[in-house]
Protein backbone atom coordinates (compact mmCIF):
# COMPACT_ATOMS: atom_id res chain seq x y z
CA MET A 1 0.00 0.00 0.00
CA VAL A 2 2.87 2.36 0.86
CA ARG A 3 4.50 1.72 -2.50
CA ASN A 4 1.19 2.37 -4.27
CA LYS A 5 0.79 5.68 -2.43
CA GLU A 6 4.28 6.67 -3.53
CA ARG A 7 3.33 5.88 -7.14
CA VAL A 8 0.23 8.04 -6.79
CA LEU A 9 2.40 10.89 -5.53
CA ILE A 10 4.73 10.49 -8.53
CA TYR A 11 1.77 10.51 -10.93
CA ARG A 12 0.36 13.57 -9.18
CA ASN A 13 3.64 15.48 -9.50
CA ILE A 14 4.08 14.56 -13.18
CA LEU A 15 0.48 15.47 -14.03
CA ALA A 16 0.73 18.72 -12.06
CA ILE A 17 3.81 19.71 -14.10
CA ILE A 18 2.01 18.89 -17.38
CA TYR A 19 -1.08 20.77 -16.14
CA LEU A 20 0.95 23.89 -15.35
CA LEU A 21 2.87 23.66 -18.65
CA LEU A 22 -0.42 23.55 -20.58
CA ILE A 23 -1.65 26.58 -18.64
CA ALA A 24 1.54 28.48 -19.41
CA LEU A 25 1.55 27.41 -23.09
CA PHE A 26 -2.02 28.54 -23.79
CA ALA A 27 -1.48 31.76 -21.83
CA TYR A 28 1.59 32.47 -24.00
CA PHE A 29 -0.39 31.99 -27.22
CA CYS A 30 -3.24 34.14 -25.87
CA MET A 31 -0.87 37.04 -25.18
CA GLN A 32 0.70 36.99 -28.66
CA ASN A 33 -0.09 39.98 -30.84
CA GLY A 34 -2.41 39.58 -33.83
CA GLU A 35 0.35 39.05 -36.39
CA ASP A 36 2.30 36.46 -34.36
CA SER A 37 -0.91 34.61 -33.54
CA SER A 38 -1.84 34.51 -37.23
CA ASN A 39 1.61 33.18 -38.16
CA THR A 40 1.35 30.43 -35.52
CA SER A 41 -2.09 29.42 -36.83
CA SER A 42 -0.78 29.33 -40.41
CA PHE A 43 2.14 27.10 -39.41
CA ILE A 44 -0.16 24.61 -37.64
CA SER A 45 -2.66 24.71 -40.52
CA ASP A 46 0.07 24.00 -43.07
CA PHE A 47 1.30 21.03 -41.04
CA ILE A 48 -2.19 19.50 -40.61
CA CYS A 49 -3.16 20.08 -44.25
CA SER A 50 0.05 18.39 -45.38
CA LEU A 51 -0.85 15.32 -43.29
CA PHE A 52 -4.24 15.01 -45.00
CA ASN A 53 -2.91 16.05 -48.42
CA ILE A 54 -5.33 18.98 -48.80
CA THR A 55 -4.85 22.60 -49.85
CA ARG A 56 -4.82 25.20 -47.08
CA THR A 57 -7.20 28.13 -47.49
CA ASP A 58 -8.22 31.01 -45.23
CA GLU A 59 -11.47 29.19 -44.49
CA ILE A 60 -9.80 25.98 -43.40
CA SER A 61 -7.26 27.94 -41.32
CA ALA A 62 -10.15 29.61 -39.49
CA PHE A 63 -11.81 26.24 -38.91
CA LEU A 64 -8.58 24.63 -37.65
CA ARG A 65 -7.96 27.57 -35.34
CA LYS A 66 -11.27 26.87 -33.61
CA ALA A 67 -11.17 23.07 -33.84
CA ILE A 68 -7.54 22.50 -32.80
CA GLY A 69 -6.43 25.72 -31.08
CA HIS A 70 -9.51 26.00 -28.87
CA PHE A 71 -11.70 22.88 -28.81
CA GLY A 72 -8.86 20.36 -29.17
CA PHE A 73 -6.53 22.07 -26.71
CA PHE A 74 -9.17 22.22 -23.97
CA MET A 75 -10.06 18.58 -24.54
CA MET A 76 -6.42 17.75 -23.80
CA PHE A 77 -6.34 20.18 -20.86
CA SER A 78 -9.52 18.62 -19.43
CA PHE A 79 -8.06 15.11 -19.76
CA VAL A 80 -4.91 16.03 -17.83
CA SER A 81 -7.03 17.84 -15.23
CA CYS A 82 -9.26 14.78 -14.72
CA LEU A 83 -6.27 12.49 -14.26
CA LEU A 84 -4.60 14.96 -11.91
CA PHE A 85 -7.52 15.40 -9.53
CA MET A 86 -8.19 11.65 -9.48
CA THR A 87 -4.87 11.30 -7.64
CA PHE A 88 -6.45 13.14 -4.70
CA TYR A 89 -8.11 9.87 -3.73
CA LYS A 90 -8.96 11.04 -0.20
CA TRP A 91 -11.34 13.64 -1.63
CA LYS A 92 -14.99 12.85 -2.26
CA TYR A 93 -15.97 12.45 -5.92
CA HIS A 94 -18.07 15.63 -5.92
CA LYS A 95 -15.14 17.65 -4.51
CA GLN A 96 -12.86 16.40 -7.30
CA LEU A 97 -15.46 17.44 -9.90
CA ILE A 98 -16.04 20.86 -8.31
CA VAL A 99 -12.30 21.68 -8.27
CA HIS A 100 -11.83 20.30 -11.81
CA PHE A 101 -14.64 22.38 -13.32
CA SER A 102 -14.02 25.50 -11.21
CA LEU A 103 -10.37 25.77 -12.22
CA GLY A 104 -11.11 24.86 -15.85
CA ILE A 105 -13.88 27.42 -16.31
CA SER A 106 -11.90 30.10 -14.47
CA TYR A 107 -8.92 29.51 -16.74
CA ILE A 108 -11.10 29.75 -19.86
CA LEU A 109 -12.51 33.11 -18.73
CA ILE A 110 -9.12 34.51 -17.64
CA THR A 111 -7.34 33.61 -20.90
CA GLU A 112 -10.12 35.00 -23.07
CA PHE A 113 -11.25 38.13 -21.22
CA LEU A 114 -7.96 39.14 -19.55
CA PHE A 115 -4.99 37.87 -21.55
CA GLN A 116 -6.47 38.44 -25.02
CA ALA A 117 -7.93 41.76 -23.93
CA ILE A 118 -4.44 43.12 -23.23
CA ALA A 119 -2.82 41.52 -26.33
CA ILE A 120 -2.07 43.89 -29.24
CA ASN A 121 -4.54 43.75 -32.15
CA ARG A 122 -6.63 41.09 -30.43
CA GLY A 123 -9.77 41.07 -28.35
CA PRO A 124 -11.92 38.73 -26.23
CA SER A 125 -14.60 36.58 -27.86
CA PHE A 126 -17.51 34.96 -26.06
CA LYS A 127 -17.83 32.49 -28.96
CA ASP A 128 -14.28 31.27 -28.35
CA CYS A 129 -15.18 30.77 -24.69
CA LEU A 130 -18.06 28.52 -25.76
CA ILE A 131 -15.74 26.48 -27.98
CA ASP A 132 -13.17 26.17 -25.16
CA PHE A 133 -15.82 25.08 -22.68
CA GLY A 134 -17.29 22.65 -25.22
CA GLY A 135 -13.95 20.85 -25.56
CA PHE A 136 -13.38 20.90 -21.79
CA LEU A 137 -16.88 19.56 -21.07
CA LEU A 138 -16.77 16.85 -23.75
CA MET A 139 -13.54 15.31 -22.46
CA SER A 140 -14.80 15.55 -18.87
CA ILE A 141 -17.92 13.63 -19.84
CA ILE A 142 -15.86 10.99 -21.67
CA VAL A 143 -13.52 10.40 -18.70
CA ILE A 144 -16.40 10.35 -16.18
CA PHE A 145 -18.31 7.97 -18.46
CA ILE A 146 -15.32 5.58 -18.69
CA PHE A 147 -14.92 5.76 -14.90
CA TYR A 148 -18.53 4.80 -14.22
CA ILE A 149 -18.46 2.09 -16.89
CA TYR A 150 -15.45 0.65 -15.06
CA ARG A 151 -17.34 0.76 -11.76
CA LEU A 152 -20.27 -0.91 -13.48
CA ALA A 153 -18.03 -3.67 -14.81
CA LYS A 154 -16.53 -4.21 -11.33
CA SER A 155 -19.92 -4.43 -9.63
CA LYS A 156 -20.49 -8.02 -8.50
CA ASN A 157 -24.21 -7.50 -8.07
CA LEU A 158 -24.64 -6.38 -11.67
CA ASN A 159 -22.36 -9.09 -13.07
CA GLU A 160 -24.37 -11.73 -11.21
CA ASN A 161 -27.60 -10.21 -12.54
CA LYS A 162 -27.85 -12.21 -15.77
CA ARG A 163 -30.97 -10.38 -16.92
CA PHE A 164 -29.26 -6.98 -16.65
CA MET A 165 -26.12 -8.20 -18.44
CA LEU A 166 -28.27 -9.69 -21.22
CA ILE A 167 -30.10 -6.38 -21.73
CA TYR A 168 -26.78 -4.49 -21.58
CA SER A 169 -25.16 -6.74 -24.18
CA ILE A 170 -28.20 -6.49 -26.50
CA ILE A 171 -28.24 -2.66 -26.33
CA THR A 172 -24.47 -2.17 -26.76
CA GLY A 173 -24.28 -4.90 -29.39
CA SER A 174 -27.13 -3.28 -31.33
CA ILE A 175 -25.44 0.14 -31.26
CA PHE A 176 -22.17 -1.41 -32.43
CA SER A 177 -23.93 -3.34 -35.23
CA ILE A 178 -25.88 -0.27 -36.41
CA LEU A 179 -22.68 1.81 -36.64
CA VAL A 180 -20.92 -0.93 -38.62
CA ILE A 181 -23.87 -1.48 -41.00
CA LEU A 182 -24.30 2.27 -41.52
CA TYR A 183 -20.66 2.65 -42.54
CA ILE A 184 -20.96 -0.30 -44.93
CA ILE A 185 -23.98 1.37 -46.56
CA LEU A 186 -22.12 4.68 -46.88
CA SER A 187 -19.08 2.92 -48.36
CA LEU A 188 -21.26 1.40 -51.10
CA GLN A 189 -22.76 4.75 -52.15
CA ASN A 190 -21.71 6.20 -55.49
CA ASN A 191 -19.48 9.27 -55.70
CA LYS A 192 -22.36 11.76 -56.09
CA VAL A 193 -24.37 10.53 -53.09
CA SER A 194 -21.21 10.22 -50.97
CA GLY A 195 -20.25 13.81 -51.86
CA GLU A 196 -23.72 15.11 -50.96
CA VAL A 197 -23.64 13.34 -47.60
CA GLY A 198 -20.14 14.67 -46.87
CA THR A 199 -21.12 18.23 -47.82
CA SER A 200 -24.28 18.08 -45.71
CA ILE A 201 -22.42 16.84 -42.62
CA GLY A 202 -19.61 19.35 -43.19
CA GLN A 203 -22.01 22.26 -43.49
CA THR A 204 -23.83 21.19 -40.32
CA ILE A 205 -20.55 21.11 -38.39
CA VAL A 206 -19.58 24.52 -39.74
CA ASP A 207 -23.02 25.95 -38.87
CA VAL A 208 -22.73 24.91 -35.21
CA THR A 209 -19.12 26.15 -34.91
CA PRO A 210 -19.15 29.71 -33.54
CA GLY A 211 -17.04 32.25 -35.39
CA ILE A 212 -16.97 30.44 -38.76
CA SER A 213 -18.71 31.97 -41.77
CA ALA A 214 -21.63 30.06 -43.26
CA ASP A 215 -21.55 28.14 -46.56
CA ILE A 216 -17.76 27.78 -46.60
CA THR A 217 -18.12 24.11 -47.54
CA LYS A 218 -19.80 25.24 -50.76
CA LYS A 219 -16.90 27.58 -51.51
CA SER A 220 -13.98 25.48 -50.31
CA THR A 221 -13.34 21.87 -51.26
CA SER A 222 -10.46 21.86 -48.74
CA VAL A 223 -12.91 22.29 -45.86
CA GLN A 224 -15.05 19.47 -47.24
CA GLN A 225 -12.02 17.21 -47.56
CA PHE A 226 -10.74 17.98 -44.08
CA ILE A 227 -14.12 17.38 -42.40
CA ARG A 228 -14.59 14.23 -44.46
CA LYS A 229 -11.23 12.83 -43.31
CA VAL A 230 -11.41 13.87 -39.65
CA ILE A 231 -15.12 13.28 -38.96
CA GLY A 232 -16.13 10.75 -41.61
CA HIS A 233 -13.08 8.52 -41.22
CA PHE A 234 -11.00 9.14 -38.06
CA GLY A 235 -13.91 10.28 -35.87
CA TYR A 236 -16.40 7.64 -37.04
CA PHE A 237 -13.96 4.78 -36.46
CA ALA A 238 -13.14 6.17 -33.01
CA ILE A 239 -16.88 5.97 -32.19
CA ILE A 240 -17.06 2.39 -33.55
CA SER A 241 -14.07 1.54 -31.33
CA LEU A 242 -15.82 2.96 -28.26
CA SER A 243 -19.04 1.06 -29.01
CA SER A 244 -17.10 -2.19 -29.51
CA TYR A 245 -15.42 -1.73 -26.12
CA LEU A 246 -18.78 -1.17 -24.39
CA PHE A 247 -20.14 -4.32 -26.01
CA MET A 248 -17.09 -6.41 -25.11
CA ILE A 249 -17.45 -5.52 -21.42
CA SER A 250 -20.38 -7.96 -21.33
CA LEU A 251 -18.06 -10.72 -22.62
CA ARG A 252 -15.16 -10.18 -20.24
CA ASN A 253 -16.30 -12.92 -17.82
CA LYS A 254 -16.47 -15.43 -20.68
CA ILE A 255 -13.38 -14.53 -22.71
CA ASN A 256 -9.86 -13.61 -21.58
CA ASN A 257 -9.23 -9.83 -21.53
CA LYS A 258 -6.07 -10.08 -23.66
CA ILE A 259 -7.97 -12.03 -26.32
CA LEU A 260 -10.72 -9.39 -26.28
CA ILE A 261 -8.20 -6.58 -26.78
CA ILE A 262 -6.50 -8.39 -29.68
CA ALA A 263 -9.91 -9.21 -31.22
CA GLN A 264 -11.11 -5.62 -30.88
CA ILE A 265 -8.03 -4.05 -32.50
CA SER A 266 -7.88 -6.72 -35.23
CA PHE A 267 -11.53 -6.17 -36.12
CA GLY A 268 -11.00 -2.40 -36.49
CA VAL A 269 -8.01 -2.71 -38.82
CA ILE A 270 -9.59 -5.48 -40.93
CA PHE A 271 -12.90 -3.59 -41.17
CA ALA A 272 -11.05 -0.43 -42.31
CA LEU A 273 -9.23 -2.35 -45.04
CA PHE A 274 -12.37 -4.25 -46.09
CA THR A 275 -14.59 -1.18 -46.44
CA GLU A 276 -11.91 0.76 -48.30
CA PHE A 277 -10.44 -1.82 -50.67
CA ALA A 278 -13.45 -4.12 -51.17
CA LEU A 279 -16.64 -2.08 -50.77
CA GLU A 280 -15.51 1.32 -52.10
CA ALA A 281 -13.87 -0.43 -55.05
CA LEU A 282 -17.36 -1.66 -56.01
CA ALA A 283 -19.03 1.78 -55.65
CA SER A 284 -19.62 3.77 -58.84
CA GLY A 285 -17.20 6.65 -59.36
CA ARG A 286 -15.16 5.85 -56.26
CA SER A 287 -11.80 4.19 -55.76
CA PRO A 288 -9.96 2.85 -52.69
CA MET A 289 -7.35 5.04 -51.01
CA PHE A 290 -4.66 3.76 -48.67
CA LEU A 291 -4.65 7.12 -46.82
CA ASP A 292 -8.35 6.72 -45.94
CA ALA A 293 -7.79 3.15 -44.72
CA LEU A 294 -4.87 4.38 -42.62
CA THR A 295 -6.96 7.26 -41.20
CA ASP A 296 -9.76 4.80 -40.30
CA SER A 297 -7.33 2.43 -38.59
CA LEU A 298 -5.64 5.25 -36.68
CA GLY A 299 -8.99 6.54 -35.40
CA TYR A 300 -9.98 3.06 -34.22
CA VAL A 301 -6.61 2.17 -32.65
CA PHE A 302 -6.29 5.62 -31.06
CA MET A 303 -9.61 5.19 -29.24
CA CYS A 304 -8.64 1.64 -28.17
CA ILE A 305 -5.36 2.88 -26.69
CA PHE A 306 -7.06 5.88 -25.07
CA ILE A 307 -9.74 3.70 -23.43
CA TYR A 308 -7.41 0.97 -22.19
CA LEU A 309 -4.82 3.38 -20.80
CA SER A 310 -7.60 5.36 -19.10
CA VAL A 311 -9.09 2.16 -17.64
CA CYS A 312 -5.67 1.01 -16.36
CA TYR A 313 -5.12 4.38 -14.68
CA ILE A 314 -8.65 4.44 -13.23
CA LYS A 315 -8.24 0.85 -12.04
CA PHE A 316 -5.07 1.79 -10.14
CA ILE A 317 -6.61 4.91 -8.55
CA TYR A 318 -9.83 3.02 -7.74
CA LYS A 319 -7.78 0.32 -5.98
CA ILE A 320 -5.91 2.89 -3.87
CA ARG A 321 -9.16 4.64 -3.01
CA PHE A 322 -10.74 1.35 -1.93
CA GLN A 323 -7.73 0.38 0.19
CA ASN A 324 -7.68 3.83 1.81
CA SER A 325 -11.39 3.60 2.69
CA ARG A 326 -10.83 0.19 4.29
CA GLU A 327 -7.96 1.54 6.40
CA ASN A 328 -10.17 4.35 7.66
CA VAL A 329 -12.96 2.01 8.74
């Protein structure tokens, strides 16, 4: 137990350093003048566009600035914050959440309405605050959801309740199957229908993103391509990966965990290759692309790694918390 507490302290110190570095990094970017901030955004946009082999435009730079520089950064910041405050295992759960959200929201407001207000040729934006909070909230919900799914999986009463586990496996299995079938249907669509679906989804995402001009997907094929790659490939396969994990929880008492992990990752990679090189090859006006298959696989594997590392960390903290509660009885 003593050794475990020492490990928790090491994790806490490492996470606290990362937490403070992220605070300092974002504060630095917020206090840059307008020209330097624009140059930084252009550099990041060029790098991301080169990865997806698309042409950078002013529209896509504006979208990336919001998606990566605000939403994405605060998702990462929220993740580190969640892991950090979990190490305070003597605190009640509600206290951890209050501190996590209080500091996060305070930092969002300070960086936007104080730091950017004093930066040259820049000003505060309430819309950017909403994007920041959206990223922070989304990651918080994901981590909390994984935590409670882990507690659910550890509950002996629920695992012994065969009726509940049957209903759980049917629901999660149905969601997983629907997502897989839906992607198969989309992969078999011809080029025209696929383009219309991609444009419709892209425009919807742009419409709900504050600070981005409307109808840019109709003016910029680069925006369409980027959204198609990130949401339609990487993001969709990440969601399939999450749904497969939730379904496989119901099988963990019947099949070895290592076998389940290998089966889950293998399915994702094989499904990505199958839909790209078999199904899309059959669709009219479409052709398979190795980059799309790679993007699909990366989205799936990324979510697998994220979930399993999060579960391992939560499992360790949960064990320390349980042992500490027993010592205090």
